[in-house]
N, C-alpha and C. Protein backbone atom coordinates (compact mmCIF):
# COMPACT_ATOMS: atom_id res chain seq x y z
N MET A 1 98.20 115.49 134.95
CA MET A 1 97.69 115.54 133.86
C MET A 1 96.96 114.42 133.83
N LYS A 2 95.53 114.57 133.53
CA LYS A 2 94.22 113.78 133.17
C LYS A 2 94.54 112.57 132.39
N GLU A 3 93.62 111.16 132.97
CA GLU A 3 93.93 109.94 131.88
C GLU A 3 93.33 110.79 130.76
N THR A 4 92.72 111.68 130.43
CA THR A 4 92.24 111.96 129.12
C THR A 4 92.61 112.74 127.99
N ASP A 5 93.93 113.45 128.71
CA ASP A 5 94.74 114.07 128.32
C ASP A 5 95.54 113.32 127.02
N PRO A 6 95.58 113.55 125.61
CA PRO A 6 95.98 113.35 124.77
C PRO A 6 97.66 112.93 124.78
N GLY A 7 98.17 113.85 125.59
CA GLY A 7 99.45 113.37 125.83
C GLY A 7 99.89 112.07 126.46
N VAL A 8 98.99 111.60 127.32
CA VAL A 8 99.07 110.72 128.34
C VAL A 8 98.66 109.49 127.09
N PHE A 9 97.65 109.49 126.54
CA PHE A 9 97.84 108.66 125.40
C PHE A 9 98.57 108.07 124.62
N ALA A 10 99.05 109.38 123.95
CA ALA A 10 100.71 109.18 123.31
C ALA A 10 101.50 108.14 123.58
N SER A 11 101.72 109.03 125.04
CA SER A 11 102.75 108.18 126.49
C SER A 11 102.66 107.06 126.55
N VAL A 12 101.44 106.44 126.93
CA VAL A 12 101.29 105.14 126.90
C VAL A 12 101.65 104.40 125.84
N LEU A 13 100.65 104.29 124.86
CA LEU A 13 100.94 103.73 123.29
C LEU A 13 101.75 103.78 123.26
N THR A 14 102.97 104.94 123.28
CA THR A 14 104.37 104.75 122.47
C THR A 14 104.93 103.61 123.50
N GLU A 15 105.10 103.53 125.16
CA GLU A 15 105.39 102.72 126.30
C GLU A 15 105.33 101.33 125.45
N SER A 16 103.66 101.48 125.28
CA SER A 16 103.14 100.04 125.15
C SER A 16 104.11 99.42 123.40
N VAL A 17 103.84 99.97 122.66
CA VAL A 17 104.89 99.55 121.09
C VAL A 17 106.05 99.38 120.97
N GLN A 18 106.74 100.02 122.62
CA GLN A 18 108.11 100.04 122.71
C GLN A 18 108.89 98.68 123.42
N LYS A 19 107.55 98.36 124.72
CA LYS A 19 107.45 97.20 125.23
C LYS A 19 107.78 95.97 124.22
N SER A 20 106.44 95.81 122.91
CA SER A 20 106.19 95.42 122.57
C SER A 20 107.27 95.14 121.21
N ILE A 21 108.15 96.17 121.21
CA ILE A 21 109.47 95.99 120.02
C ILE A 21 110.62 94.96 120.80
N ASP A 22 110.55 95.47 121.73
CA ASP A 22 111.76 94.87 123.45
C ASP A 22 111.62 93.19 122.69
N LYS A 23 110.82 92.87 122.73
CA LYS A 23 110.15 91.30 122.84
C LYS A 23 110.29 90.66 122.01
N ASN A 24 109.95 91.23 121.03
CA ASN A 24 110.51 90.74 119.50
C ASN A 24 111.97 89.81 119.11
N SER A 25 111.77 88.75 118.69
CA SER A 25 112.62 88.26 118.55
C SER A 25 112.78 87.93 116.86
N TYR A 26 114.08 87.31 116.67
CA TYR A 26 114.23 86.94 115.58
C TYR A 26 115.01 85.84 114.90
N GLY A 27 114.48 84.62 113.71
CA GLY A 27 115.06 83.60 113.53
C GLY A 27 116.68 83.62 112.77
N ALA A 28 117.09 83.08 112.24
CA ALA A 28 117.88 82.92 111.36
C ALA A 28 117.67 83.56 110.56
N PRO A 29 118.84 84.46 109.74
CA PRO A 29 118.51 84.61 108.60
C PRO A 29 118.38 83.80 106.84
N VAL A 30 117.60 83.72 106.39
CA VAL A 30 117.34 83.03 105.38
C VAL A 30 117.28 83.72 103.77
N THR A 31 117.68 83.28 103.00
CA THR A 31 117.29 83.85 101.86
C THR A 31 116.59 82.98 101.08
N VAL A 32 115.61 83.94 100.29
CA VAL A 32 114.61 82.80 99.57
C VAL A 32 114.35 83.79 98.10
N THR A 33 114.47 83.14 97.38
CA THR A 33 114.30 83.03 95.49
C THR A 33 112.85 83.42 95.05
N VAL A 34 113.11 84.76 94.80
CA VAL A 34 111.33 84.73 94.28
C VAL A 34 111.81 85.01 92.51
N LYS A 35 110.89 84.51 91.77
CA LYS A 35 110.46 84.92 90.51
C LYS A 35 109.56 86.15 89.77
N VAL A 36 109.83 87.34 89.52
CA VAL A 36 109.47 88.01 89.00
C VAL A 36 109.46 88.26 87.65
N GLU A 37 107.73 88.39 87.48
CA GLU A 37 107.89 88.28 85.95
C GLU A 37 107.15 89.56 85.05
N LYS A 38 107.40 90.15 84.02
CA LYS A 38 106.64 91.09 83.63
C LYS A 38 104.97 90.89 83.26
N ASN A 39 104.08 91.47 83.50
CA ASN A 39 102.73 91.05 83.11
C ASN A 39 102.36 92.10 81.97
N HIS A 40 101.19 92.02 81.24
CA HIS A 40 100.70 92.59 80.33
C HIS A 40 100.96 94.01 80.21
N SER A 41 101.12 94.91 81.30
CA SER A 41 100.67 96.19 81.02
C SER A 41 102.14 97.01 81.12
N GLY A 42 103.09 96.07 81.46
CA GLY A 42 104.61 96.18 81.07
C GLY A 42 104.94 96.49 83.35
N THR A 43 104.77 96.11 83.45
CA THR A 43 104.83 96.10 85.15
C THR A 43 105.15 94.91 85.50
N TYR A 44 106.03 94.53 86.69
CA TYR A 44 106.74 93.38 87.30
C TYR A 44 105.57 93.41 88.80
N GLU A 45 105.45 91.80 88.59
CA GLU A 45 104.27 91.45 89.47
C GLU A 45 104.97 89.72 90.09
N LEU A 46 105.05 89.77 91.48
CA LEU A 46 104.49 88.17 91.97
C LEU A 46 103.84 87.24 91.43
N SER A 47 103.95 86.12 91.62
CA SER A 47 102.56 85.13 91.36
C SER A 47 102.02 84.71 93.12
N GLU A 48 101.18 84.16 92.95
CA GLU A 48 100.97 83.96 94.38
C GLU A 48 101.55 83.12 94.82
N THR A 49 102.38 82.06 94.05
CA THR A 49 103.21 80.83 94.76
C THR A 49 104.30 81.93 95.13
N GLU A 50 104.78 82.66 94.04
CA GLU A 50 105.96 83.74 94.68
C GLU A 50 105.81 84.34 95.91
N ARG A 51 104.73 84.90 96.32
CA ARG A 51 103.94 85.89 97.27
C ARG A 51 104.15 84.83 98.51
N SER A 52 103.22 83.94 98.28
CA SER A 52 103.04 82.76 99.28
C SER A 52 104.61 82.04 99.99
N LYS A 53 105.77 82.05 99.15
CA LYS A 53 107.40 81.73 99.56
C LYS A 53 107.67 82.96 100.30
N LEU A 54 107.43 83.94 99.96
CA LEU A 54 107.79 85.38 100.87
C LEU A 54 107.20 85.08 102.41
N GLU A 55 105.64 84.90 102.35
CA GLU A 55 105.08 85.10 103.25
C GLU A 55 105.59 83.70 104.25
N THR A 56 105.47 82.72 103.78
CA THR A 56 106.34 81.68 104.84
C THR A 56 107.51 81.89 105.32
N ALA A 57 108.71 82.26 104.57
CA ALA A 57 109.91 83.00 105.47
C ALA A 57 109.74 84.16 106.45
N MET A 58 108.57 84.99 106.53
CA MET A 58 108.81 86.37 106.94
C MET A 58 107.83 86.09 108.31
N PHE A 59 106.91 84.72 108.09
CA PHE A 59 105.86 84.19 109.03
C PHE A 59 106.19 83.07 109.41
N PRO A 60 106.76 82.24 109.54
CA PRO A 60 106.61 81.27 109.79
C PRO A 60 105.92 80.66 111.01
N THR A 61 105.19 79.44 111.03
CA THR A 61 104.22 79.12 111.62
C THR A 61 104.61 78.05 112.51
N GLU A 62 105.83 77.82 113.01
CA GLU A 62 106.54 77.09 113.68
C GLU A 62 106.00 77.40 115.46
């Protein structure tokens, strides 16, 4: 197979992604309580503050 063959690219990409996944590590589980509010159009949403709580829990900067 040639390097330019799409199958080779897909294989290398798949292997690279798998290696990245295998190196992932996760911290201890945490519970985050957020407040969901109904807006004027009748749909539910999180305020910026509540989204920030989730972001901080999911992507800690330690």
